[in-house]
PDB file of N, CA and C in Angstrom:
ATOM      1  N   MET A   1    -105.898 214.912 -59.093  1.00  0.00           N
ATOM      2  CA  MET A   1    -105.770 213.669 -59.834  1.00  0.00           C
ATOM      3  C   MET A   1    -104.298 213.384 -60.137  1.00  0.00           C
ATOM      4  N   THR A   2    -103.998 212.128 -60.339  1.00  0.00           N
ATOM      5  CA  THR A   2    -102.640 211.723 -60.666  1.00  0.00           C
ATOM      6  C   THR A   2    -102.546 211.405 -62.161  1.00  0.00           C
ATOM      7  N   ALA A   3    -101.322 211.315 -62.642  1.00  0.00           N
ATOM      8  CA  ALA A   3    -101.102 210.975 -64.051  1.00  0.00           C
ATOM      9  C   ALA A   3    -101.675 209.594 -64.370  1.00  0.00           C
ATOM     10  N   SER A   4    -101.568 208.648 -63.456  1.00  0.00           N
ATOM     11  CA  SER A   4    -102.114 207.311 -63.726  1.00  0.00           C
ATOM     12  C   SER A   4    -103.641 207.338 -63.780  1.00  0.00           C
ATOM     13  N   GLU A   5    -104.273 208.170 -62.979  1.00  0.00           N
ATOM     14  CA  GLU A   5    -105.735 208.311 -63.046  1.00  0.00           C
ATOM     15  C   GLU A   5    -106.157 208.937 -64.381  1.00  0.00           C
ATOM     16  N   ILE A   6    -105.377 209.899 -64.847  1.00  0.00           N
ATOM     17  CA  ILE A   6    -105.662 210.532 -66.136  1.00  0.00           C
ATOM     18  C   ILE A   6    -105.500 209.509 -67.258  1.00  0.00           C
ATOM     19  N   LEU A   7    -104.442 208.702 -67.188  1.00  0.00           N
ATOM     20  CA  LEU A   7    -104.253 207.645 -68.196  1.00  0.00           C
ATOM     21  C   LEU A   7    -105.442 206.689 -68.225  1.00  0.00           C
ATOM     22  N   SER A   8    -105.972 206.364 -67.071  1.00  0.00           N
ATOM     23  CA  SER A   8    -107.146 205.487 -67.008  1.00  0.00           C
ATOM     24  C   SER A   8    -108.350 206.145 -67.669  1.00  0.00           C
ATOM     25  N   LEU A   9    -108.529 207.440 -67.469  1.00  0.00           N
ATOM     26  CA  LEU A   9    -109.628 208.164 -68.122  1.00  0.00           C
ATOM     27  C   LEU A   9    -109.471 208.145 -69.641  1.00  0.00           C
ATOM     28  N   VAL A  10    -108.241 208.364 -70.099  1.00  0.00           N
ATOM     29  CA  VAL A  10    -107.977 208.345 -71.545  1.00  0.00           C
ATOM     30  C   VAL A  10    -108.287 206.967 -72.113  1.00  0.00           C
ATOM     31  N   GLU A  11    -107.830 205.921 -71.442  1.00  0.00           N
ATOM     32  CA  GLU A  11    -108.104 204.553 -71.914  1.00  0.00           C
ATOM     33  C   GLU A  11    -109.602 204.268 -71.935  1.00  0.00           C
ATOM     34  N   ALA A  12    -110.325 204.754 -70.938  1.00  0.00           N
ATOM     35  CA  ALA A  12    -111.779 204.568 -70.915  1.00  0.00           C
ATOM     36  C   ALA A  12    -112.426 205.278 -72.101  1.00  0.00           C
ATOM     37  N   GLU A  13    -111.931 206.461 -72.431  1.00  0.00           N
ATOM     38  CA  GLU A  13    -112.452 207.189 -73.589  1.00  0.00           C
ATOM     39  C   GLU A  13    -112.180 206.400 -74.873  1.00  0.00           C
ATOM     40  N   LEU A  14    -110.985 205.841 -74.992  1.00  0.00           N
ATOM     41  CA  LEU A  14    -110.628 205.103 -76.202  1.00  0.00           C
ATOM     42  C   LEU A  14    -111.483 203.845 -76.363  1.00  0.00           C
ATOM     43  N   THR A  15    -111.865 203.212 -75.272  1.00  0.00           N
ATOM     44  CA  THR A  15    -112.699 202.008 -75.378  1.00  0.00           C
ATOM     45  C   THR A  15    -114.100 202.336 -75.871  1.00  0.00           C
ATOM     46  N   ARG A  16    -114.524 203.588 -75.750  1.00  0.00           N
ATOM     47  CA  ARG A  16    -115.859 203.992 -76.206  1.00  0.00           C
ATOM     48  C   ARG A  16    -115.910 204.288 -77.708  1.00  0.00           C
ATOM     49  N   ILE A  17    -114.754 204.354 -78.333  1.00  0.00           N
ATOM     50  CA  ILE A  17    -114.687 204.710 -79.754  1.00  0.00           C
ATOM     51  C   ILE A  17    -114.743 203.430 -80.580  1.00  0.00           C
ATOM     52  N   SER A  18    -115.698 203.376 -81.504  1.00  0.00           N
ATOM     53  CA  SER A  18    -115.881 202.145 -82.283  1.00  0.00           C
ATOM     54  C   SER A  18    -115.003 202.076 -83.531  1.00  0.00           C
ATOM     55  N   ASN A  19    -114.535 203.203 -84.028  1.00  0.00           N
ATOM     56  CA  ASN A  19    -113.745 203.223 -85.256  1.00  0.00           C
ATOM     57  C   ASN A  19    -112.254 203.042 -84.933  1.00  0.00           C
ATOM     58  N   PRO A  20    -111.648 201.943 -85.384  1.00  0.00           N
ATOM     59  CA  PRO A  20    -110.232 201.686 -85.085  1.00  0.00           C
ATOM     60  C   PRO A  20    -109.293 202.774 -85.609  1.00  0.00           C
ATOM     61  N   SER A  21    -109.611 203.383 -86.739  1.00  0.00           N
ATOM     62  CA  SER A  21    -108.715 204.424 -87.263  1.00  0.00           C
ATOM     63  C   SER A  21    -108.763 205.681 -86.393  1.00  0.00           C
ATOM     64  N   THR A  22    -109.898 205.949 -85.781  1.00  0.00           N
ATOM     65  CA  THR A  22    -109.985 207.086 -84.854  1.00  0.00           C
ATOM     66  C   THR A  22    -109.154 206.814 -83.611  1.00  0.00           C
ATOM     67  N   VAL A  23    -109.247 205.594 -83.107  1.00  0.00           N
ATOM     68  CA  VAL A  23    -108.437 205.210 -81.944  1.00  0.00           C
ATOM     69  C   VAL A  23    -106.954 205.325 -82.287  1.00  0.00           C
ATOM     70  N   ALA A  24    -106.564 204.854 -83.456  1.00  0.00           N
ATOM     71  CA  ALA A  24    -105.157 204.920 -83.876  1.00  0.00           C
ATOM     72  C   ALA A  24    -104.693 206.378 -84.001  1.00  0.00           C
ATOM     73  N   LEU A  25    -105.537 207.232 -84.545  1.00  0.00           N
ATOM     74  CA  LEU A  25    -105.189 208.652 -84.662  1.00  0.00           C
ATOM     75  C   LEU A  25    -104.933 209.252 -83.288  1.00  0.00           C
ATOM     76  N   ILE A  26    -105.864 209.018 -82.356  1.00  0.00           N
ATOM     77  CA  ILE A  26    -105.703 209.587 -81.012  1.00  0.00           C
ATOM     78  C   ILE A  26    -104.488 209.006 -80.318  1.00  0.00           C
ATOM     79  N   ARG A  27    -104.277 207.695 -80.437  1.00  0.00           N
ATOM     80  CA  ARG A  27    -103.092 207.082 -79.810  1.00  0.00           C
ATOM     81  C   ARG A  27    -101.800 207.703 -80.342  1.00  0.00           C
ATOM     82  N   GLY A  28    -101.801 208.080 -81.618  1.00  0.00           N
ATOM     83  CA  GLY A  28    -100.626 208.708 -82.199  1.00  0.00           C
ATOM     84  C   GLY A  28    -100.361 210.111 -81.688  1.00  0.00           C
ATOM     85  N   LEU A  29    -101.350 210.730 -81.081  1.00  0.00           N
ATOM     86  CA  LEU A  29    -101.221 212.086 -80.536  1.00  0.00           C
ATOM     87  C   LEU A  29    -100.909 212.106 -79.049  1.00  0.00           C
ATOM     88  N   LEU A  30    -101.075 210.964 -78.371  1.00  0.00           N
ATOM     89  CA  LEU A  30    -100.925 210.924 -76.916  1.00  0.00           C
ATOM     90  C   LEU A  30     -99.511 211.282 -76.471  1.00  0.00           C
ATOM     91  N   VAL A  31     -99.454 211.977 -75.350  1.00  0.00           N
ATOM     92  CA  VAL A  31     -98.202 212.310 -74.681  1.00  0.00           C
ATOM     93  C   VAL A  31     -98.344 211.902 -73.212  1.00  0.00           C
ATOM     94  N   PRO A  32     -97.239 211.750 -72.509  1.00  0.00           N
ATOM     95  CA  PRO A  32     -97.373 211.476 -71.072  1.00  0.00           C
ATOM     96  C   PRO A  32     -98.153 212.619 -70.418  1.00  0.00           C
ATOM     97  N   PRO A  33     -99.173 212.312 -69.636  1.00  0.00           N
ATOM     98  CA  PRO A  33     -99.981 213.378 -69.032  1.00  0.00           C
ATOM     99  C   PRO A  33     -99.140 214.308 -68.158  1.00  0.00           C
ATOM    100  N   ARG A  34     -99.404 215.588 -68.316  1.00  0.00           N
ATOM    101  CA  ARG A  34     -98.743 216.584 -67.473  1.00  0.00           C
ATOM    102  C   ARG A  34     -99.780 217.634 -67.084  1.00  0.00           C
ATOM    103  N   CYS A  35     -99.637 218.126 -65.892  1.00  0.00           N
ATOM    104  CA  CYS A  35    -100.572 219.114 -65.370  1.00  0.00           C
ATOM    105  C   CYS A  35    -100.039 220.515 -65.624  1.00  0.00           C
ATOM    106  N   GLU A  36    -100.883 221.360 -66.205  1.00  0.00           N
ATOM    107  CA  GLU A  36    -100.565 222.773 -66.414  1.00  0.00           C
ATOM    108  C   GLU A  36    -101.662 223.600 -65.771  1.00  0.00           C
ATOM    109  N   GLN A  37    -101.277 224.608 -65.030  1.00  0.00           N
ATOM    110  CA  GLN A  37    -102.245 225.543 -64.481  1.00  0.00           C
ATOM    111  C   GLN A  37    -102.597 226.538 -65.589  1.00  0.00           C
ATOM    112  N   ARG A  38    -103.850 226.512 -66.029  1.00  0.00           N
ATOM    113  CA  ARG A  38    -104.283 227.386 -67.113  1.00  0.00           C
ATOM    114  C   ARG A  38    -105.237 228.450 -66.579  1.00  0.00           C
ATOM    115  N   PRO A  39    -105.068 229.693 -67.038  1.00  0.00           N
ATOM    116  CA  PRO A  39    -105.960 230.775 -66.609  1.00  0.00           C
ATOM    117  C   PRO A  39    -107.411 230.523 -67.019  1.00  0.00           C
ATOM    118  N   TRP A  40    -108.300 230.877 -66.102  1.00  0.00           N
ATOM    119  CA  TRP A  40    -109.745 230.766 -66.292  1.00  0.00           C
ATOM    120  C   TRP A  40    -110.284 232.195 -66.358  1.00  0.00           C
ATOM    121  N   ASP A  41    -110.814 232.585 -67.498  1.00  0.00           N
ATOM    122  CA  ASP A  41    -111.218 233.970 -67.725  1.00  0.00           C
ATOM    123  C   ASP A  41    -112.591 234.326 -67.170  1.00  0.00           C
ATOM    124  N   TYR A  42    -113.318 233.365 -66.621  1.00  0.00           N
ATOM    125  CA  TYR A  42    -114.696 233.616 -66.232  1.00  0.00           C
ATOM    126  C   TYR A  42    -114.913 233.631 -64.717  1.00  0.00           C
ATOM    127  N   GLY A  43    -113.843 233.693 -63.960  1.00  0.00           N
ATOM    128  CA  GLY A  43    -113.959 233.669 -62.502  1.00  0.00           C
ATOM    129  C   GLY A  43    -113.254 234.854 -61.880  1.00  0.00           C
ATOM    130  N   GLU A  44    -112.626 234.595 -60.775  1.00  0.00           N
ATOM    131  CA  GLU A  44    -111.878 235.616 -60.053  1.00  0.00           C
ATOM    132  C   GLU A  44    -110.643 236.033 -60.859  1.00  0.00           C
ATOM    133  N   PRO A  45    -110.166 237.254 -60.684  1.00  0.00           N
ATOM    134  CA  PRO A  45    -108.928 237.662 -61.369  1.00  0.00           C
ATOM    135  C   PRO A  45    -107.779 236.709 -61.026  1.00  0.00           C
ATOM    136  N   ASN A  46    -107.006 236.372 -62.034  1.00  0.00           N
ATOM    137  CA  ASN A  46    -105.833 235.497 -61.898  1.00  0.00           C
ATOM    138  C   ASN A  46    -106.174 234.066 -61.481  1.00  0.00           C
ATOM    139  N   GLN A  47    -107.423 233.654 -61.618  1.00  0.00           N
ATOM    140  CA  GLN A  47    -107.815 232.295 -61.265  1.00  0.00           C
ATOM    141  C   GLN A  47    -107.295 231.316 -62.318  1.00  0.00           C
ATOM    142  N   THR A  48    -106.776 230.193 -61.857  1.00  0.00           N
ATOM    143  CA  THR A  48    -106.299 229.140 -62.748  1.00  0.00           C
ATOM    144  C   THR A  48    -106.891 227.808 -62.305  1.00  0.00           C
ATOM    145  N   PHE A  49    -106.884 226.856 -63.241  1.00  0.00           N
ATOM    146  CA  PHE A  49    -107.322 225.505 -62.934  1.00  0.00           C
ATOM    147  C   PHE A  49    -106.302 224.521 -63.492  1.00  0.00           C
ATOM    148  N   PRO A  50    -106.152 223.358 -62.833  1.00  0.00           N
ATOM    149  CA  PRO A  50    -105.240 222.340 -63.345  1.00  0.00           C
ATOM    150  C   PRO A  50    -105.841 221.637 -64.560  1.00  0.00           C
ATOM    151  N   CYS A  51    -105.133 221.717 -65.669  1.00  0.00           N
ATOM    152  CA  CYS A  51    -105.526 221.036 -66.905  1.00  0.00           C
ATOM    153  C   CYS A  51    -104.459 219.998 -67.213  1.00  0.00           C
ATOM    154  N   PHE A  52    -104.873 218.764 -67.431  1.00  0.00           N
ATOM    155  CA  PHE A  52    -103.943 217.697 -67.754  1.00  0.00           C
ATOM    156  C   PHE A  52    -103.848 217.545 -69.258  1.00  0.00           C
ATOM    157  N   ILE A  53    -102.693 217.872 -69.811  1.00  0.00           N
ATOM    158  CA  ILE A  53    -102.455 217.702 -71.243  1.00  0.00           C
ATOM    159  C   ILE A  53    -102.235 216.216 -71.488  1.00  0.00           C
ATOM    160  N   VAL A  54    -103.043 215.638 -72.396  1.00  0.00           N
ATOM    161  CA  VAL A  54    -102.957 214.198 -72.660  1.00  0.00           C
ATOM    162  C   VAL A  54    -102.520 213.884 -74.084  1.00  0.00           C
ATOM    163  N   ALA A  55    -102.644 214.859 -74.980  1.00  0.00           N
ATOM    164  CA  ALA A  55    -102.275 214.646 -76.383  1.00  0.00           C
ATOM    165  C   ALA A  55    -101.913 215.987 -76.998  1.00  0.00           C
ATOM    166  N   GLU A  56    -101.128 215.930 -78.071  1.00  0.00           N
ATOM    167  CA  GLU A  56    -100.702 217.157 -78.750  1.00  0.00           C
ATOM    168  C   GLU A  56    -100.692 216.959 -80.258  1.00  0.00           C
ATOM    169  N   HIS A  57    -100.966 218.056 -80.960  1.00  0.00           N
ATOM    170  CA  HIS A  57    -100.866 218.086 -82.423  1.00  0.00           C
ATOM    171  C   HIS A  57     -99.937 219.259 -82.752  1.00  0.00           C
ATOM    172  N   PRO A  58     -98.619 219.008 -82.800  1.00  0.00           N
ATOM    173  CA  PRO A  58     -97.655 220.093 -82.998  1.00  0.00           C
ATOM    174  C   PRO A  58     -97.894 220.914 -84.272  1.00  0.00           C
ATOM    175  N   ALA A  59     -98.349 220.284 -85.345  1.00  0.00           N
ATOM    176  CA  ALA A  59     -98.534 221.014 -86.605  1.00  0.00           C
ATOM    177  C   ALA A  59     -99.520 222.170 -86.464  1.00  0.00           C
ATOM    178  N   SER A  60    -100.502 222.039 -85.578  1.00  0.00           N
ATOM    179  CA  SER A  60    -101.471 223.115 -85.373  1.00  0.00           C
ATOM    180  C   SER A  60    -101.268 223.838 -84.041  1.00  0.00           C
ATOM    181  N   ASN A  61    -100.196 223.494 -83.334  1.00  0.00           N
ATOM    182  CA  ASN A  61     -99.881 224.099 -82.041  1.00  0.00           C
ATOM    183  C   ASN A  61    -101.025 223.910 -81.040  1.00  0.00           C
ATOM    184  N   THR A  62    -101.690 222.759 -81.089  1.00  0.00           N
ATOM    185  CA  THR A  62    -102.794 222.510 -80.177  1.00  0.00           C
ATOM    186  C   THR A  62    -102.506 221.323 -79.266  1.00  0.00           C
ATOM    187  N   ALA A  63    -103.198 221.339 -78.136  1.00  0.00           N
ATOM    188  CA  ALA A  63    -103.093 220.264 -77.150  1.00  0.00           C
ATOM    189  C   ALA A  63    -104.500 219.860 -76.736  1.00  0.00           C
ATOM    190  N   PHE A  64    -104.631 218.633 -76.294  1.00  0.00           N
ATOM    191  CA  PHE A  64    -105.900 218.099 -75.828  1.00  0.00           C
ATOM    192  C   PHE A  64    -105.769 217.873 -74.333  1.00  0.00           C
ATOM    193  N   ALA A  65    -106.727 218.398 -73.581  1.00  0.00           N
ATOM    194  CA  ALA A  65    -106.603 218.403 -72.135  1.00  0.00           C
ATOM    195  C   ALA A  65    -107.845 217.845 -71.459  1.00  0.00           C
ATOM    196  N   TYR A  66    -107.639 217.406 -70.228  1.00  0.00           N
ATOM    197  CA  TYR A  66    -108.737 216.999 -69.352  1.00  0.00           C
ATOM    198  C   TYR A  66    -108.717 217.936 -68.151  1.00  0.00           C
ATOM    199  N   CYS A  67    -109.899 218.475 -67.818  1.00  0.00           N
ATOM    200  CA  CYS A  67    -109.996 219.353 -66.656  1.00  0.00           C
ATOM    201  C   CYS A  67    -111.369 219.183 -66.015  1.00  0.00           C
ATOM    202  N   GLU A  68    -111.380 218.952 -64.712  1.00  0.00           N
ATOM    203  CA  GLU A  68    -112.632 218.806 -63.979  1.00  0.00           C
ATOM    204  C   GLU A  68    -113.252 220.141 -63.610  1.00  0.00           C
ATOM    205  N   HIS A  69    -112.533 221.217 -63.808  1.00  0.00           N
ATOM    206  CA  HIS A  69    -112.971 222.546 -63.392  1.00  0.00           C
ATOM    207  C   HIS A  69    -113.361 223.361 -64.623  1.00  0.00           C
ATOM    208  N   GLY A  70    -113.835 224.561 -64.395  1.00  0.00           N
ATOM    209  CA  GLY A  70    -114.200 225.409 -65.515  1.00  0.00           C
ATOM    210  C   GLY A  70    -115.412 224.845 -66.230  1.00  0.00           C
ATOM    211  N   PHE A  71    -115.223 224.400 -67.456  1.00  0.00           N
ATOM    212  CA  PHE A  71    -116.324 223.837 -68.245  1.00  0.00           C
ATOM    213  C   PHE A  71    -116.617 222.386 -67.876  1.00  0.00           C
ATOM    214  N   GLY A  72    -115.691 221.748 -67.148  1.00  0.00           N
ATOM    215  CA  GLY A  72    -115.948 220.414 -66.631  1.00  0.00           C
ATOM    216  C   GLY A  72    -116.727 220.552 -65.338  1.00  0.00           C
ATOM    217  N   PRO A  73    -117.375 219.550 -64.856  1.00  0.00           N
ATOM    218  CA  PRO A  73    -117.318 218.182 -65.330  1.00  0.00           C
ATOM    219  C   PRO A  73    -118.219 217.893 -66.536  1.00  0.00           C
ATOM    220  N   ARG A  74    -119.100 218.805 -66.909  1.00  0.00           N
ATOM    221  CA  ARG A  74    -119.991 218.525 -68.051  1.00  0.00           C
ATOM    222  C   ARG A  74    -119.197 218.354 -69.341  1.00  0.00           C
ATOM    223  N   CYS A  75    -118.216 219.185 -69.570  1.00  0.00           N
ATOM    224  CA  CYS A  75    -117.377 219.129 -70.780  1.00  0.00           C
ATOM    225  C   CYS A  75    -115.911 219.156 -70.359  1.00  0.00           C
ATOM    226  N   PRO A  76    -115.365 218.027 -69.914  1.00  0.00           N
ATOM    227  CA  PRO A  76    -114.013 218.034 -69.346  1.00  0.00           C
ATOM    228  C   PRO A  76    -112.865 217.935 -70.348  1.00  0.00           C
ATOM    229  N   TRP A  77    -113.164 217.717 -71.641  1.00  0.00           N
ATOM    230  CA  TRP A  77    -112.108 217.529 -72.642  1.00  0.00           C
ATOM    231  C   TRP A  77    -111.969 218.799 -73.465  1.00  0.00           C
ATOM    232  N   GLY A  78    -110.780 219.426 -73.389  1.00  0.00           N
ATOM    233  CA  GLY A  78    -110.596 220.717 -74.034  1.00  0.00           C
ATOM    234  C   GLY A  78    -109.507 220.737 -75.082  1.00  0.00           C
ATOM    235  N   LEU A  79    -109.701 221.622 -76.031  1.00  0.00           N
ATOM    236  CA  LEU A  79    -108.742 221.882 -77.093  1.00  0.00           C
ATOM    237  C   LEU A  79    -108.067 223.208 -76.765  1.00  0.00           C
ATOM    238  N   LEU A  80    -106.767 223.149 -76.480  1.00  0.00           N
ATOM    239  CA  LEU A  80    -106.012 224.315 -76.027  1.00  0.00           C
ATOM    240  C   LEU A  80    -104.824 224.588 -76.940  1.00  0.00           C
ATOM    241  N   TRP A  81    -104.301 225.791 -76.852  1.00  0.00           N
ATOM    242  CA  TRP A  81    -103.043 226.108 -77.537  1.00  0.00           C
ATOM    243  C   TRP A  81    -101.892 225.526 -76.736  1.00  0.00           C
ATOM    244  N   ARG A  82    -100.876 225.031 -77.417  1.00  0.00           N
ATOM    245  CA  ARG A  82     -99.682 224.482 -76.757  1.00  0.00           C
ATOM    246  C   ARG A  82     -98.757 225.589 -76.282  1.00  0.00           C
ATOM    247  N   SER A  83     -98.625 226.626 -77.093  1.00  0.00           N
ATOM    248  CA  SER A  83     -97.721 227.720 -76.767  1.00  0.00           C
ATOM    249  C   SER A  83     -98.239 228.995 -77.424  1.00  0.00           C
ATOM    250  N   GLY A  84     -97.650 230.111 -77.029  1.00  0.00           N
ATOM    251  CA  GLY A  84     -98.032 231.374 -77.625  1.00  0.00           C
ATOM    252  C   GLY A  84     -98.780 232.269 -76.660  1.00  0.00           C
ATOM    253  N   GLU A  85     -99.495 233.203 -77.229  1.00  0.00           N
ATOM    254  CA  GLU A  85    -100.162 234.245 -76.449  1.00  0.00           C
ATOM    255  C   GLU A  85    -101.410 233.749 -75.719  1.00  0.00           C
ATOM    256  N   TRP A  86    -102.115 232.781 -76.260  1.00  0.00           N
ATOM    257  CA  TRP A  86    -103.425 232.365 -75.740  1.00  0.00           C
ATOM    258  C   TRP A  86    -103.321 231.054 -74.966  1.00  0.00           C
ATOM    259  N   LEU A  87    -102.804 231.112 -73.751  1.00  0.00           N
ATOM    260  CA  LEU A  87    -102.631 229.900 -72.954  1.00  0.00           C
ATOM    261  C   LEU A  87    -103.706 229.739 -71.883  1.00  0.00           C
ATOM    262  N   ASN A  88    -104.809 230.460 -72.047  1.00  0.00           N
ATOM    263  CA  ASN A  88    -105.918 230.296 -71.103  1.00  0.00           C
ATOM    264  C   ASN A  88    -106.745 229.069 -71.480  1.00  0.00           C
ATOM    265  N   MET A  89    -107.826 228.856 -70.753  1.00  0.00           N
ATOM    266  CA  MET A  89    -108.671 227.684 -71.016  1.00  0.00           C
ATOM    267  C   MET A  89    -109.625 227.907 -72.180  1.00  0.00           C
ATOM    268  N   GLY A  90    -109.697 229.099 -72.691  1.00  0.00           N
ATOM    269  CA  GLY A  90    -110.503 229.364 -73.862  1.00  0.00           C
ATOM    270  C   GLY A  90    -111.991 229.460 -73.577  1.00  0.00           C
ATOM    271  N   MET A  91    -112.756 229.393 -74.649  1.00  0.00           N
ATOM    272  CA  MET A  91    -114.208 229.519 -74.560  1.00  0.00           C
ATOM    273  C   MET A  91    -114.868 228.149 -74.503  1.00  0.00           C
ATOM    274  N   ASP A  92    -116.153 228.144 -74.192  1.00  0.00           N
ATOM    275  CA  ASP A  92    -116.880 226.881 -74.074  1.00  0.00           C
ATOM    276  C   ASP A  92    -116.921 226.094 -75.381  1.00  0.00           C
ATOM    277  N   SER A  93    -116.758 226.772 -76.508  1.00  0.00           N
ATOM    278  CA  SER A  93    -116.799 226.083 -77.804  1.00  0.00           C
ATOM    279  C   SER A  93    -115.598 225.165 -78.031  1.00  0.00           C
ATOM    280  N   SER A  94    -114.594 225.247 -77.178  1.00  0.00           N
ATOM    281  CA  SER A  94    -113.435 224.371 -77.333  1.00  0.00           C
ATOM    282  C   SER A  94    -113.372 223.300 -76.241  1.00  0.00           C
ATOM    283  N   TRP A  95    -114.520 223.036 -75.582  1.00  0.00           N
ATOM    284  CA  TRP A  95    -114.605 222.005 -74.545  1.00  0.00           C
ATOM    285  C   TRP A  95    -115.722 221.029 -74.896  1.00  0.00           C
ATOM    286  N   PHE A  96    -115.471 219.746 -74.660  1.00  0.00           N
ATOM    287  CA  PHE A  96    -116.325 218.683 -75.173  1.00  0.00           C
ATOM    288  C   PHE A  96    -116.617 217.630 -74.109  1.00  0.00           C
ATOM    289  N   THR A  97    -117.655 216.849 -74.365  1.00  0.00           N
ATOM    290  CA  THR A  97    -118.027 215.784 -73.426  1.00  0.00           C
ATOM    291  C   THR A  97    -117.169 214.537 -73.587  1.00  0.00           C
ATOM    292  N   SER A  98    -116.479 214.408 -74.727  1.00  0.00           N
ATOM    293  CA  SER A  98    -115.619 213.236 -74.947  1.00  0.00           C
ATOM    294  C   SER A  98    -114.312 213.652 -75.611  1.00  0.00           C
ATOM    295  N   LEU A  99    -113.296 212.832 -75.416  1.00  0.00           N
ATOM    296  CA  LEU A  99    -112.015 213.050 -76.081  1.00  0.00           C
ATOM    297  C   LEU A  99    -112.182 212.922 -77.584  1.00  0.00           C
ATOM    298  N   GLU A 100    -112.997 211.986 -78.024  1.00  0.00           N
ATOM    299  CA  GLU A 100    -113.224 211.806 -79.458  1.00  0.00           C
ATOM    300  C   GLU A 100    -113.797 213.081 -80.085  1.00  0.00           C
ATOM    301  N   ASP A 101    -114.808 213.676 -79.474  1.00  0.00           N
ATOM    302  CA  ASP A 101    -115.396 214.902 -80.018  1.00  0.00           C
ATOM    303  C   ASP A 101    -114.375 216.038 -80.048  1.00  0.00           C
ATOM    304  N   CYS A 102    -113.534 216.084 -79.038  1.00  0.00           N
ATOM    305  CA  CYS A 102    -112.490 217.105 -78.976  1.00  0.00           C
ATOM    306  C   CYS A 102    -111.540 216.968 -80.169  1.00  0.00           C
ATOM    307  N   VAL A 103    -111.097 215.752 -80.441  1.00  0.00           N
ATOM    308  CA  VAL A 103    -110.177 215.508 -81.555  1.00  0.00           C
ATOM    309  C   VAL A 103    -110.878 215.761 -82.890  1.00  0.00           C
ATOM    310  N   ARG A 104    -112.129 215.365 -83.005  1.00  0.00           N
ATOM    311  CA  ARG A 104    -112.876 215.573 -84.252  1.00  0.00           C
ATOM    312  C   ARG A 104    -113.047 217.056 -84.592  1.00  0.00           C
ATOM    313  N   ASP A 105    -113.004 217.918 -83.587  1.00  0.00           N
ATOM    314  CA  ASP A 105    -113.175 219.354 -83.815  1.00  0.00           C
ATOM    315  C   ASP A 105    -111.838 220.075 -84.003  1.00  0.00           C
ATOM    316  N   SER A 106    -110.762 219.328 -84.083  1.00  0.00           N
ATOM    317  CA  SER A 106    -109.424 219.926 -84.166  1.00  0.00           C
ATOM    318  C   SER A 106    -108.831 219.797 -85.558  1.00  0.00           C
ATOM    319  N   PHE A 107    -107.703 220.478 -85.767  1.00  0.00           N
ATOM    320  CA  PHE A 107    -106.960 220.360 -87.018  1.00  0.00           C
ATOM    321  C   PHE A 107    -106.285 218.996 -87.171  1.00  0.00           C
ATOM    322  N   ALA A 108    -106.234 218.218 -86.102  1.00  0.00           N
ATOM    323  CA  ALA A 108    -105.671 216.873 -86.185  1.00  0.00           C
ATOM    324  C   ALA A 108    -106.591 215.923 -86.937  1.00  0.00           C
ATOM    325  N   TRP A 109    -107.886 216.256 -86.982  1.00  0.00           N
ATOM    326  CA  TRP A 109    -108.867 215.398 -87.629  1.00  0.00           C
ATOM    327  C   TRP A 109    -108.714 215.506 -89.140  1.00  0.00           C
ATOM    328  N   PRO A 110    -108.531 214.391 -89.845  1.00  0.00           N
ATOM    329  CA  PRO A 110    -108.239 214.435 -91.278  1.00  0.00           C
ATOM    330  C   PRO A 110    -109.427 214.818 -92.175  1.00  0.00           C
ATOM    331  N   ASP A 111    -110.639 214.701 -91.677  1.00  0.00           N
ATOM    332  CA  ASP A 111    -111.800 215.017 -92.520  1.00  0.00           C
ATOM    333  C   ASP A 111    -112.178 216.461 -92.361  1.00  0.00           C
TER     334      ASP A 111
END
């Protein structure tokens, strides 16, 4: 996938959100999409998948990603660490069917 295709996916996700303050929160977290190869712990040794980072919450050192592999396509929106020791794709509990659900389960969510 390309960065412009990822941007289109993000925009499609935002159009599905009915609450304007939720859309504003997510828009405030968006970053230019970038692809990072993240380790996948449930496959072959040293296996990685391309994860597109689309948003970040620096205060909690977390990033929001889109990935068609691993837990995708069923749950393609993931909550990942931005930096540090745990840069793998994580467990299934940090992958969601929508970007909104991903953000709602993060420290970026105000409630």
